[in-house]
Amino acid sequence: MGSRPETVAGRRAGLRGWGPVVVALVMLSMNTTAEAVAQMPGPIPNGRLTSGMLSFDGHATLGDFTGTTRTVTGQLTGAPEISSVRGWVEAPVESLKTGDRKRDKDLNKSMESSKYPNLRFDLNSITAKQSAGDSIPVTLHGTLNIHGVTRRLELPGTIVFKGQTARVRTDFPLNLKEYGIGGLSKMLGMLKMHENIEVHVDLVFGLGAGG
């Protein structure tokens, strides 16, 4: 015997059976959006850097190396919205250590640290994306000054607001020659440091601690 053809009433009954599922999916979507919006902070107070680390990964003929400093200062100027937050971060060139005194000396010579003693980033604005988690994806708009050269940058990063602190992280590539840094070759080019490095920044600001 063949199967009986489905009636119009049967099809309607089947559609009605999906009704609760559709409603549940819509409500879940609305709740997820609400959570994402809830994670975006409101008015942000002034802040002062309480701890931070700046490092870079260098590549040379004799192998890769890392330069690091924890001698970092900075401040945030608060705003009603995260997009209008401004600030600055600074570190002395001489505080960068690579674990090799000779290499540190060459680094300071190439960067002319006696003439241009500091590395500095000035934050002009922030573009933030909504996120359901604690970590908010952001783009940091500002200017980076190295070796007397200032360039406008848009840095990808994250911000985590927790209690009275804001943790800012960013990783980005940097070309040393774009900042006029020479002296990357030694011994007629047999020893050479590549011009492209990767920079890593991890900062914690105490909110309401100055500005």
N, C-alpha and C. Protein backbone atom coordinates (compact mmCIF):
# COMPACT_ATOMS: atom_id res chain seq x y z
N MET A 1 0.85 -1.18 0.00
CA MET A 1 0.00 0.00 0.00
C MET A 1 0.89 1.23 0.00
N GLY A 2 0.53 2.29 -0.75
CA GLY A 2 1.32 3.53 -0.78
C GLY A 2 0.98 4.40 0.41
N SER A 3 1.88 5.33 0.73
CA SER A 3 1.65 6.24 1.85
C SER A 3 0.60 7.25 1.48
N ARG A 4 -0.16 7.69 2.46
CA ARG A 4 -1.22 8.65 2.20
C ARG A 4 -0.62 10.03 1.99
N PRO A 5 -1.14 10.80 1.06
CA PRO A 5 -0.62 12.17 0.83
C PRO A 5 -0.83 13.03 2.06
N GLU A 6 0.17 13.91 2.32
CA GLU A 6 0.07 14.79 3.48
C GLU A 6 -1.00 15.84 3.25
N THR A 7 -1.85 16.05 4.21
CA THR A 7 -2.91 17.02 4.07
C THR A 7 -2.41 18.40 4.47
N VAL A 8 -3.14 19.44 4.04
CA VAL A 8 -2.80 20.82 4.40
C VAL A 8 -2.83 20.99 5.91
N ALA A 9 -3.81 20.38 6.53
CA ALA A 9 -3.91 20.48 7.99
C ALA A 9 -2.71 19.85 8.66
N GLY A 10 -2.22 18.72 8.06
CA GLY A 10 -1.05 18.08 8.65
C GLY A 10 0.18 18.95 8.55
N ARG A 11 0.35 19.63 7.39
CA ARG A 11 1.50 20.50 7.23
C ARG A 11 1.44 21.65 8.22
N ARG A 12 0.27 22.22 8.41
CA ARG A 12 0.13 23.32 9.37
C ARG A 12 0.47 22.87 10.79
N ALA A 13 0.03 21.66 11.11
CA ALA A 13 0.32 21.14 12.45
C ALA A 13 1.82 20.97 12.63
N GLY A 14 2.52 20.50 11.54
CA GLY A 14 3.96 20.36 11.64
C GLY A 14 4.67 21.68 11.85
N LEU A 15 4.21 22.72 11.14
CA LEU A 15 4.79 24.05 11.30
C LEU A 15 4.58 24.58 12.70
N ARG A 16 3.36 24.33 13.24
CA ARG A 16 3.09 24.79 14.61
C ARG A 16 4.04 24.12 15.59
N GLY A 17 4.45 22.89 15.30
CA GLY A 17 5.35 22.18 16.19
C GLY A 17 6.72 22.82 16.27
N TRP A 18 7.12 23.55 15.22
CA TRP A 18 8.41 24.23 15.22
C TRP A 18 8.36 25.59 15.90
N GLY A 19 7.15 26.05 16.19
CA GLY A 19 6.99 27.38 16.78
C GLY A 19 7.82 27.61 18.03
N PRO A 20 7.75 26.76 19.05
CA PRO A 20 8.54 26.96 20.27
C PRO A 20 10.05 26.98 20.01
N VAL A 21 10.50 26.16 19.04
CA VAL A 21 11.93 26.13 18.73
C VAL A 21 12.38 27.46 18.16
N VAL A 22 11.58 28.00 17.23
CA VAL A 22 11.92 29.29 16.62
C VAL A 22 11.95 30.39 17.67
N VAL A 23 10.95 30.42 18.55
CA VAL A 23 10.90 31.42 19.60
C VAL A 23 12.13 31.31 20.51
N ALA A 24 12.50 30.09 20.84
CA ALA A 24 13.67 29.89 21.72
C ALA A 24 14.95 30.40 21.06
N LEU A 25 15.11 30.15 19.76
CA LEU A 25 16.30 30.62 19.05
C LEU A 25 16.35 32.14 19.00
N VAL A 26 15.21 32.78 18.77
CA VAL A 26 15.15 34.24 18.74
C VAL A 26 15.51 34.82 20.10
N MET A 27 14.98 34.24 21.18
CA MET A 27 15.27 34.72 22.52
C MET A 27 16.75 34.55 22.86
N LEU A 28 17.35 33.41 22.44
CA LEU A 28 18.76 33.17 22.69
C LEU A 28 19.61 34.21 21.98
N SER A 29 19.24 34.54 20.75
CA SER A 29 19.97 35.55 19.99
C SER A 29 19.88 36.90 20.67
N MET A 30 18.71 37.26 21.17
CA MET A 30 18.52 38.54 21.85
C MET A 30 19.33 38.59 23.13
N ASN A 31 19.37 37.47 23.87
CA ASN A 31 20.13 37.44 25.12
C ASN A 31 21.63 37.58 24.85
N THR A 32 22.11 36.93 23.78
CA THR A 32 23.53 37.01 23.44
C THR A 32 23.91 38.44 23.10
N THR A 33 23.06 39.13 22.32
CA THR A 33 23.32 40.53 21.97
C THR A 33 23.32 41.40 23.20
N ALA A 34 22.38 41.14 24.12
CA ALA A 34 22.32 41.93 25.35
C ALA A 34 23.59 41.76 26.17
N GLU A 35 24.11 40.52 26.22
CA GLU A 35 25.34 40.28 26.96
C GLU A 35 26.50 41.04 26.35
N ALA A 36 26.56 41.07 25.00
CA ALA A 36 27.65 41.75 24.32
C ALA A 36 27.62 43.24 24.62
N VAL A 37 26.43 43.83 24.58
CA VAL A 37 26.31 45.25 24.86
C VAL A 37 26.65 45.54 26.31
N ALA A 38 26.28 44.63 27.20
CA ALA A 38 26.53 44.85 28.62
C ALA A 38 28.01 44.89 28.95
N GLN A 39 28.84 44.24 28.10
CA GLN A 39 30.28 44.19 28.39
C GLN A 39 30.98 45.51 28.07
N MET A 40 30.35 46.37 27.24
CA MET A 40 30.97 47.62 26.87
C MET A 40 30.88 48.60 28.04
N PRO A 41 32.01 49.07 28.60
CA PRO A 41 31.99 49.91 29.80
C PRO A 41 31.40 51.28 29.54
N GLY A 42 30.89 51.88 30.60
CA GLY A 42 30.35 53.23 30.52
C GLY A 42 31.44 54.26 30.72
N PRO A 43 31.17 55.32 31.49
CA PRO A 43 32.21 56.34 31.73
C PRO A 43 33.47 55.73 32.29
N ILE A 44 34.61 56.12 31.75
CA ILE A 44 35.90 55.58 32.17
C ILE A 44 36.70 56.68 32.84
N PRO A 45 37.13 56.49 34.08
CA PRO A 45 37.89 57.52 34.80
C PRO A 45 39.33 57.61 34.30
N ASN A 46 40.01 58.65 34.77
CA ASN A 46 41.44 58.77 34.47
C ASN A 46 42.18 57.58 35.06
N GLY A 47 43.34 57.31 34.50
CA GLY A 47 44.12 56.18 35.00
C GLY A 47 45.61 56.43 34.90
N ARG A 48 46.34 55.70 35.74
CA ARG A 48 47.80 55.78 35.72
C ARG A 48 48.37 54.36 35.60
N LEU A 49 49.43 54.21 34.80
CA LEU A 49 50.04 52.91 34.61
C LEU A 49 50.62 52.39 35.92
N THR A 50 50.21 51.19 36.31
CA THR A 50 50.72 50.58 37.54
C THR A 50 51.73 49.49 37.27
N SER A 51 51.65 48.86 36.12
CA SER A 51 52.65 47.88 35.72
C SER A 51 52.58 47.71 34.21
N GLY A 52 53.72 47.35 33.62
CA GLY A 52 53.72 47.19 32.18
C GLY A 52 54.99 46.53 31.68
N MET A 53 54.90 45.94 30.51
CA MET A 53 56.07 45.34 29.88
C MET A 53 56.02 45.62 28.38
N LEU A 54 57.13 46.06 27.87
CA LEU A 54 57.32 46.27 26.43
C LEU A 54 58.43 45.35 25.98
N SER A 55 58.20 44.58 24.91
CA SER A 55 59.24 43.69 24.41
C SER A 55 59.17 43.65 22.89
N PHE A 56 60.27 43.18 22.29
CA PHE A 56 60.29 43.00 20.85
C PHE A 56 61.09 41.75 20.51
N ASP A 57 60.69 41.11 19.42
CA ASP A 57 61.41 39.94 18.91
C ASP A 57 62.25 40.39 17.72
N GLY A 58 63.58 40.26 17.85
CA GLY A 58 64.48 40.63 16.78
C GLY A 58 65.04 39.40 16.08
N HIS A 59 65.48 39.60 14.85
CA HIS A 59 66.00 38.49 14.05
C HIS A 59 67.34 38.91 13.47
N ALA A 60 68.37 38.11 13.72
CA ALA A 60 69.72 38.45 13.28
C ALA A 60 70.41 37.24 12.68
N THR A 61 71.56 37.49 12.05
CA THR A 61 72.33 36.43 11.41
C THR A 61 72.67 35.31 12.40
N LEU A 62 73.01 35.68 13.62
CA LEU A 62 73.43 34.71 14.62
C LEU A 62 72.26 34.10 15.40
N GLY A 63 71.03 34.50 15.06
CA GLY A 63 69.87 33.92 15.74
C GLY A 63 68.89 34.97 16.22
N ASP A 64 67.73 34.53 16.61
CA ASP A 64 66.69 35.42 17.12
C ASP A 64 66.98 35.81 18.57
N PHE A 65 66.43 36.93 18.98
CA PHE A 65 66.59 37.38 20.36
C PHE A 65 65.41 38.26 20.74
N THR A 66 65.28 38.52 22.03
CA THR A 66 64.18 39.34 22.55
C THR A 66 64.72 40.45 23.42
N GLY A 67 64.21 41.65 23.21
CA GLY A 67 64.53 42.78 24.06
C GLY A 67 63.33 43.12 24.92
N THR A 68 63.56 43.42 26.19
CA THR A 68 62.45 43.63 27.13
C THR A 68 62.74 44.77 28.08
N THR A 69 61.68 45.51 28.44
CA THR A 69 61.77 46.49 29.52
C THR A 69 60.47 46.49 30.31
N ARG A 70 60.61 46.69 31.62
CA ARG A 70 59.46 46.91 32.48
C ARG A 70 59.47 48.33 33.04
N THR A 71 60.40 49.13 32.54
CA THR A 71 60.46 50.54 32.95
C THR A 71 59.55 51.34 32.03
N VAL A 72 58.27 51.27 32.32
CA VAL A 72 57.26 51.90 31.46
C VAL A 72 56.39 52.81 32.31
N THR A 73 56.11 54.00 31.79
CA THR A 73 55.20 54.93 32.45
C THR A 73 54.08 55.30 31.49
N GLY A 74 52.97 55.78 32.05
CA GLY A 74 51.87 56.17 31.18
C GLY A 74 50.65 56.62 31.95
N GLN A 75 49.74 57.26 31.24
CA GLN A 75 48.50 57.75 31.84
C GLN A 75 47.36 57.63 30.83
N LEU A 76 46.16 57.55 31.36
CA LEU A 76 44.95 57.59 30.55
C LEU A 76 44.12 58.80 30.96
N THR A 77 43.53 59.45 29.98
CA THR A 77 42.57 60.53 30.24
C THR A 77 41.19 59.97 29.97
N GLY A 78 40.38 59.86 31.02
CA GLY A 78 39.07 59.22 30.91
C GLY A 78 38.10 60.00 30.05
N ALA A 79 36.96 59.35 29.77
CA ALA A 79 35.94 59.94 28.92
C ALA A 79 34.61 59.24 29.17
N PRO A 80 33.50 59.87 28.74
CA PRO A 80 32.19 59.22 28.92
C PRO A 80 32.07 57.90 28.17
N GLU A 81 32.78 57.76 27.04
CA GLU A 81 32.75 56.54 26.26
C GLU A 81 34.17 56.08 25.95
N ILE A 82 34.35 54.79 25.74
CA ILE A 82 35.67 54.23 25.50
C ILE A 82 36.32 54.82 24.25
N SER A 83 35.51 55.19 23.25
CA SER A 83 36.05 55.70 21.99
C SER A 83 36.80 57.01 22.16
N SER A 84 36.49 57.75 23.22
CA SER A 84 37.10 59.07 23.41
C SER A 84 38.25 59.07 24.42
N VAL A 85 38.61 57.89 24.92
CA VAL A 85 39.71 57.80 25.88
C VAL A 85 41.03 58.13 25.18
N ARG A 86 41.85 58.93 25.84
CA ARG A 86 43.17 59.28 25.31
C ARG A 86 44.24 58.88 26.33
N GLY A 87 45.50 59.00 25.92
CA GLY A 87 46.56 58.66 26.87
C GLY A 87 47.92 58.60 26.21
N TRP A 88 48.89 58.14 26.98
CA TRP A 88 50.25 58.01 26.45
C TRP A 88 51.00 56.96 27.25
N VAL A 89 52.00 56.37 26.61
CA VAL A 89 52.88 55.39 27.24
C VAL A 89 54.31 55.68 26.77
N GLU A 90 55.27 55.56 27.69
CA GLU A 90 56.65 55.91 27.36
C GLU A 90 57.62 54.95 28.04
N ALA A 91 58.74 54.67 27.36
CA ALA A 91 59.78 53.81 27.94
C ALA A 91 61.15 54.30 27.48
N PRO A 92 62.14 54.33 28.37
CA PRO A 92 63.50 54.73 27.98
C PRO A 92 64.15 53.66 27.09
N VAL A 93 64.80 54.10 26.03
CA VAL A 93 65.48 53.17 25.14
C VAL A 93 66.55 52.38 25.90
N GLU A 94 67.28 53.05 26.79
CA GLU A 94 68.37 52.40 27.52
C GLU A 94 67.88 51.30 28.46
N SER A 95 66.58 51.27 28.75
CA SER A 95 66.06 50.23 29.65
C SER A 95 65.81 48.92 28.93
N LEU A 96 65.86 48.90 27.60
CA LEU A 96 65.67 47.67 26.84
C LEU A 96 66.88 46.76 27.01
N LYS A 97 66.66 45.54 27.45
CA LYS A 97 67.74 44.58 27.67
C LYS A 97 67.48 43.32 26.86
N THR A 98 68.55 42.83 26.20
CA THR A 98 68.43 41.64 25.37
C THR A 98 69.16 40.43 25.93
N GLY A 99 69.84 40.61 27.08
CA GLY A 99 70.60 39.51 27.65
C GLY A 99 72.02 39.43 27.15
N ASP A 100 72.44 40.43 26.36
CA ASP A 100 73.81 40.46 25.83
C ASP A 100 74.28 41.91 25.88
N ARG A 101 75.28 42.19 26.70
CA ARG A 101 75.73 43.58 26.89
C ARG A 101 76.24 44.20 25.60
N LYS A 102 76.96 43.44 24.80
CA LYS A 102 77.47 43.97 23.53
C LYS A 102 76.32 44.34 22.61
N ARG A 103 75.31 43.46 22.54
CA ARG A 103 74.15 43.74 21.70
C ARG A 103 73.36 44.93 22.23
N ASP A 104 73.25 45.04 23.55
CA ASP A 104 72.55 46.20 24.12
C ASP A 104 73.28 47.50 23.77
N LYS A 105 74.59 47.46 23.80
CA LYS A 105 75.38 48.64 23.45
C LYS A 105 75.17 49.01 21.98
N ASP A 106 75.16 48.02 21.10
CA ASP A 106 74.92 48.27 19.68
C ASP A 106 73.52 48.81 19.45
N LEU A 107 72.55 48.28 20.20
CA LEU A 107 71.16 48.73 20.07
C LEU A 107 71.05 50.22 20.42
N ASN A 108 71.66 50.61 21.52
CA ASN A 108 71.61 52.01 21.94
C ASN A 108 72.34 52.92 20.95
N LYS A 109 73.41 52.39 20.36
CA LYS A 109 74.14 53.18 19.36
C LYS A 109 73.29 53.38 18.11
N SER A 110 72.66 52.31 17.63
CA SER A 110 71.82 52.39 16.44
C SER A 110 70.62 53.30 16.65
N MET A 111 70.04 53.26 17.85
CA MET A 111 68.86 54.07 18.13
C MET A 111 69.22 55.46 18.66
N GLU A 112 70.53 55.73 18.80
CA GLU A 112 70.99 57.05 19.27
C GLU A 112 70.24 57.47 20.53
N SER A 113 70.28 56.58 21.52
CA SER A 113 69.49 56.80 22.73
C SER A 113 69.89 58.06 23.50
N SER A 114 71.14 58.52 23.33
CA SER A 114 71.54 59.76 24.00
C SER A 114 70.84 60.97 23.39
N LYS A 115 70.50 60.86 22.11
CA LYS A 115 69.82 61.95 21.41
C LYS A 115 68.30 61.79 21.43
N TYR A 116 67.85 60.54 21.33
CA TYR A 116 66.41 60.22 21.34
C TYR A 116 66.17 59.21 22.46
N PRO A 117 66.06 59.66 23.69
CA PRO A 117 66.09 58.75 24.84
C PRO A 117 64.85 57.89 25.06
N ASN A 118 63.71 58.28 24.49
CA ASN A 118 62.47 57.58 24.83
C ASN A 118 61.72 57.04 23.61
N LEU A 119 60.98 55.96 23.85
CA LEU A 119 59.97 55.46 22.93
C LEU A 119 58.62 55.92 23.46
N ARG A 120 57.74 56.41 22.59
CA ARG A 120 56.48 56.95 23.11
C ARG A 120 55.33 56.69 22.15
N PHE A 121 54.21 56.25 22.72
CA PHE A 121 52.97 56.10 21.96
C PHE A 121 51.92 57.01 22.57
N ASP A 122 51.30 57.84 21.73
CA ASP A 122 50.21 58.73 22.16
C ASP A 122 48.90 58.21 21.60
N LEU A 123 47.99 57.90 22.49
CA LEU A 123 46.68 57.37 22.11
C LEU A 123 45.71 58.52 21.85
N ASN A 124 45.10 58.52 20.65
CA ASN A 124 44.16 59.58 20.28
C ASN A 124 42.70 59.14 20.39
N SER A 125 42.43 57.87 20.12
CA SER A 125 41.06 57.35 20.22
C SER A 125 41.09 55.83 20.16
N ILE A 126 39.94 55.23 20.47
CA ILE A 126 39.82 53.77 20.48
C ILE A 126 38.56 53.36 19.72
N THR A 127 38.70 52.38 18.86
CA THR A 127 37.55 51.75 18.23
C THR A 127 37.36 50.39 18.89
N ALA A 128 36.22 50.18 19.53
CA ALA A 128 35.97 48.94 20.26
C ALA A 128 34.87 48.14 19.59
N LYS A 129 35.03 46.82 19.61
CA LYS A 129 34.00 45.92 19.10
C LYS A 129 33.28 45.28 20.28
N GLN A 130 31.99 44.99 20.08
CA GLN A 130 31.23 44.34 21.14
C GLN A 130 31.71 42.92 21.33
N SER A 131 31.71 42.49 22.58
CA SER A 131 32.18 41.16 22.90
C SER A 131 31.40 40.60 24.08
N ALA A 132 31.10 39.32 24.01
CA ALA A 132 30.37 38.67 25.11
C ALA A 132 31.31 38.25 26.23
N GLY A 133 32.63 38.33 26.00
CA GLY A 133 33.59 37.93 27.01
C GLY A 133 34.16 39.12 27.76
N ASP A 134 35.13 38.84 28.62
CA ASP A 134 35.77 39.91 29.39
C ASP A 134 36.72 40.74 28.53
N SER A 135 37.28 40.12 27.48
CA SER A 135 38.27 40.79 26.64
C SER A 135 37.58 41.51 25.48
N ILE A 136 37.76 42.82 25.40
CA ILE A 136 37.13 43.61 24.35
C ILE A 136 38.13 43.84 23.22
N PRO A 137 37.84 43.38 22.00
CA PRO A 137 38.72 43.66 20.87
C PRO A 137 38.68 45.15 20.53
N VAL A 138 39.84 45.74 20.32
CA VAL A 138 39.91 47.17 20.04
C VAL A 138 40.94 47.46 18.96
N THR A 139 40.84 48.67 18.40
CA THR A 139 41.89 49.24 17.57
C THR A 139 42.33 50.53 18.25
N LEU A 140 43.63 50.63 18.53
CA LEU A 140 44.18 51.80 19.20
C LEU A 140 44.72 52.76 18.15
N HIS A 141 44.12 53.93 18.06
CA HIS A 141 44.52 54.93 17.07
C HIS A 141 45.44 55.94 17.74
N GLY A 142 46.62 56.13 17.17
CA GLY A 142 47.54 57.08 17.78
C GLY A 142 48.80 57.26 16.97
N THR A 143 49.84 57.79 17.64
CA THR A 143 51.12 58.02 16.98
C THR A 143 52.24 57.39 17.81
N LEU A 144 53.19 56.81 17.10
CA LEU A 144 54.35 56.18 17.74
C LEU A 144 55.59 56.99 17.38
N ASN A 145 56.35 57.40 18.40
CA ASN A 145 57.57 58.17 18.19
C ASN A 145 58.77 57.34 18.61
N ILE A 146 59.64 57.05 17.63
CA ILE A 146 60.88 56.32 17.86
C ILE A 146 61.99 57.00 17.07
N HIS A 147 63.12 57.24 17.72
CA HIS A 147 64.29 57.78 17.03
C HIS A 147 63.98 59.12 16.35
N GLY A 148 63.12 59.91 17.00
CA GLY A 148 62.78 61.22 16.48
C GLY A 148 61.79 61.21 15.33
N VAL A 149 61.29 60.04 14.96
CA VAL A 149 60.32 59.92 13.86
C VAL A 149 58.96 59.56 14.44
N THR A 150 57.94 60.29 14.02
CA THR A 150 56.58 60.04 14.50
C THR A 150 55.73 59.53 13.35
N ARG A 151 55.07 58.39 13.57
CA ARG A 151 54.21 57.79 12.55
C ARG A 151 52.85 57.48 13.15
N ARG A 152 51.82 57.71 12.33
CA ARG A 152 50.45 57.41 12.77
C ARG A 152 50.17 55.92 12.58
N LEU A 153 49.64 55.29 13.64
CA LEU A 153 49.39 53.84 13.59
C LEU A 153 47.99 53.50 14.07
N GLU A 154 47.51 52.36 13.61
CA GLU A 154 46.28 51.76 14.12
C GLU A 154 46.64 50.36 14.60
N LEU A 155 46.68 50.18 15.91
CA LEU A 155 47.18 48.94 16.49
C LEU A 155 46.03 48.04 16.95
N PRO A 156 46.02 46.77 16.53
CA PRO A 156 45.01 45.83 17.03
C PRO A 156 45.36 45.43 18.46
N GLY A 157 44.33 45.26 19.28
CA GLY A 157 44.61 44.89 20.66
C GLY A 157 43.37 44.46 21.40
N THR A 158 43.52 44.31 22.71
CA THR A 158 42.40 43.97 23.58
C THR A 158 42.48 44.80 24.85
N ILE A 159 41.32 45.04 25.45
CA ILE A 159 41.25 45.69 26.76
C ILE A 159 40.35 44.85 27.66
N VAL A 160 40.83 44.60 28.87
CA VAL A 160 40.03 43.89 29.87
C VAL A 160 39.83 44.81 31.06
N PHE A 161 38.58 45.16 31.35
CA PHE A 161 38.25 45.96 32.52
C PHE A 161 37.89 45.01 33.66
N LYS A 162 38.61 45.16 34.78
CA LYS A 162 38.35 44.31 35.94
C LYS A 162 38.53 45.14 37.20
N GLY A 163 37.44 45.32 37.93
CA GLY A 163 37.49 46.16 39.12
C GLY A 163 37.93 47.56 38.77
N GLN A 164 38.99 48.03 39.40
CA GLN A 164 39.51 49.38 39.16
C GLN A 164 40.74 49.35 38.26
N THR A 165 40.82 48.36 37.39
CA THR A 165 41.97 48.27 36.49
C THR A 165 41.52 48.07 35.04
N ALA A 166 42.39 48.45 34.14
CA ALA A 166 42.20 48.20 32.71
C ALA A 166 43.50 47.63 32.16
N ARG A 167 43.44 46.43 31.60
CA ARG A 167 44.63 45.80 31.03
C ARG A 167 44.58 45.92 29.52
N VAL A 168 45.62 46.51 28.96
CA VAL A 168 45.69 46.76 27.52
C VAL A 168 46.82 45.93 26.93
N ARG A 169 46.52 45.19 25.87
CA ARG A 169 47.53 44.39 25.19
C ARG A 169 47.48 44.66 23.69
N THR A 170 48.65 44.67 23.07
CA THR A 170 48.73 44.80 21.62
C THR A 170 50.02 44.15 21.12
N ASP A 171 49.95 43.57 19.95
CA ASP A 171 51.10 42.98 19.27
C ASP A 171 51.07 43.49 17.83
N PHE A 172 52.23 43.96 17.34
CA PHE A 172 52.23 44.51 15.99
C PHE A 172 53.63 44.46 15.39
N PRO A 173 53.72 44.37 14.06
CA PRO A 173 55.02 44.38 13.40
C PRO A 173 55.55 45.81 13.28
N LEU A 174 56.87 45.93 13.20
CA LEU A 174 57.49 47.25 13.07
C LEU A 174 58.74 47.15 12.21
N ASN A 175 58.88 48.09 11.28
CA ASN A 175 60.05 48.15 10.42
C ASN A 175 60.98 49.25 10.92
N LEU A 176 62.18 48.87 11.36
CA LEU A 176 63.10 49.83 11.97
C LEU A 176 63.53 50.92 10.99
N LYS A 177 63.65 50.59 9.71
CA LYS A 177 64.10 51.58 8.74
C LYS A 177 63.07 52.69 8.53
N GLU A 178 61.80 52.38 8.80
CA GLU A 178 60.76 53.41 8.68
C GLU A 178 60.95 54.50 9.74
N TYR A 179 61.73 54.20 10.77
CA TYR A 179 62.01 55.17 11.82
C TYR A 179 63.46 55.67 11.76
N GLY A 180 64.08 55.48 10.61
CA GLY A 180 65.42 56.01 10.38
C GLY A 180 66.51 55.35 11.21
N ILE A 181 66.28 54.11 11.64
CA ILE A 181 67.27 53.41 12.47
C ILE A 181 68.20 52.61 11.57
N GLY A 182 69.47 52.97 11.60
CA GLY A 182 70.47 52.29 10.77
C GLY A 182 71.44 51.50 11.62
N GLY A 183 72.61 51.22 11.06
CA GLY A 183 73.63 50.47 11.80
C GLY A 183 73.22 49.06 12.12
N LEU A 184 72.40 48.45 11.24
CA LEU A 184 71.93 47.09 11.50
C LEU A 184 72.91 46.03 11.02
N SER A 185 73.95 46.44 10.26
CA SER A 185 74.95 45.49 9.77
C SER A 185 76.31 45.75 10.41
N LYS A 186 77.01 44.69 10.73
CA LYS A 186 78.34 44.78 11.32
C LYS A 186 79.30 43.90 10.52
N MET A 187 80.57 44.21 10.60
CA MET A 187 81.62 43.40 9.96
C MET A 187 81.31 43.20 8.47
N LEU A 188 81.16 44.32 7.74
CA LEU A 188 80.94 44.30 6.29
C LEU A 188 79.70 43.49 5.90
N GLY A 189 78.71 43.53 6.77
CA GLY A 189 77.44 42.86 6.46
C GLY A 189 77.39 41.40 6.83
N MET A 190 78.48 40.84 7.37
CA MET A 190 78.46 39.42 7.76
C MET A 190 77.54 39.19 8.95
N LEU A 191 77.46 40.17 9.83
CA LEU A 191 76.52 40.11 10.96
C LEU A 191 75.45 41.15 10.70
N LYS A 192 74.23 40.72 10.68
CA LYS A 192 73.15 41.63 10.32
C LYS A 192 71.91 41.37 11.15
N MET A 193 71.27 42.46 11.59
CA MET A 193 69.96 42.38 12.22
C MET A 193 68.92 42.79 11.21
N HIS A 194 67.87 41.98 11.08
CA HIS A 194 66.83 42.28 10.11
C HIS A 194 66.00 43.49 10.58
N GLU A 195 65.54 44.24 9.62
CA GLU A 195 64.83 45.48 9.93
C GLU A 195 63.43 45.27 10.48
N ASN A 196 62.85 44.10 10.24
CA ASN A 196 61.48 43.84 10.71
C ASN A 196 61.50 43.13 12.06
N ILE A 197 60.79 43.70 13.03
CA ILE A 197 60.68 43.11 14.36
C ILE A 197 59.20 43.00 14.73
N GLU A 198 58.91 42.25 15.78
CA GLU A 198 57.55 42.15 16.31
C GLU A 198 57.53 42.74 17.72
N VAL A 199 56.61 43.64 17.94
CA VAL A 199 56.52 44.35 19.22
C VAL A 199 55.34 43.80 20.03
N HIS A 200 55.57 43.65 21.34
CA HIS A 200 54.53 43.15 22.25
C HIS A 200 54.39 44.11 23.43
N VAL A 201 53.17 44.50 23.72
CA VAL A 201 52.92 45.47 24.80
C VAL A 201 51.84 44.91 25.72
N ASP A 202 52.11 44.94 27.03
CA ASP A 202 51.16 44.46 28.03
C ASP A 202 51.15 45.46 29.18
N LEU A 203 50.03 46.19 29.34
CA LEU A 203 49.97 47.30 30.29
C LEU A 203 48.77 47.15 31.22
N VAL A 204 48.95 47.54 32.48
CA VAL A 204 47.85 47.57 33.43
C VAL A 204 47.73 48.98 34.01
N PHE A 205 46.56 49.58 33.84
CA PHE A 205 46.29 50.93 34.37
C PHE A 205 45.38 50.83 35.59
N GLY A 206 45.72 51.59 36.62
CA GLY A 206 44.83 51.73 37.76
C GLY A 206 43.87 52.87 37.48
N LEU A 207 42.60 52.58 37.41
CA LEU A 207 41.60 53.61 37.07
C LEU A 207 41.26 54.44 38.31
N GLY A 208 41.09 55.73 38.09
CA GLY A 208 40.83 56.64 39.19
C GLY A 208 42.10 56.96 39.96
N ALA A 209 43.28 56.64 39.33
CA ALA A 209 44.57 56.83 40.02
C ALA A 209 45.37 57.98 39.46
N GLY A 210 44.73 58.85 38.73
CA GLY A 210 45.46 59.99 38.18
C GLY A 210 45.05 60.26 36.77
N GLY A 211 45.81 61.09 36.05
CA GLY A 211 45.49 61.37 34.66
C GLY A 211 45.97 62.73 34.28
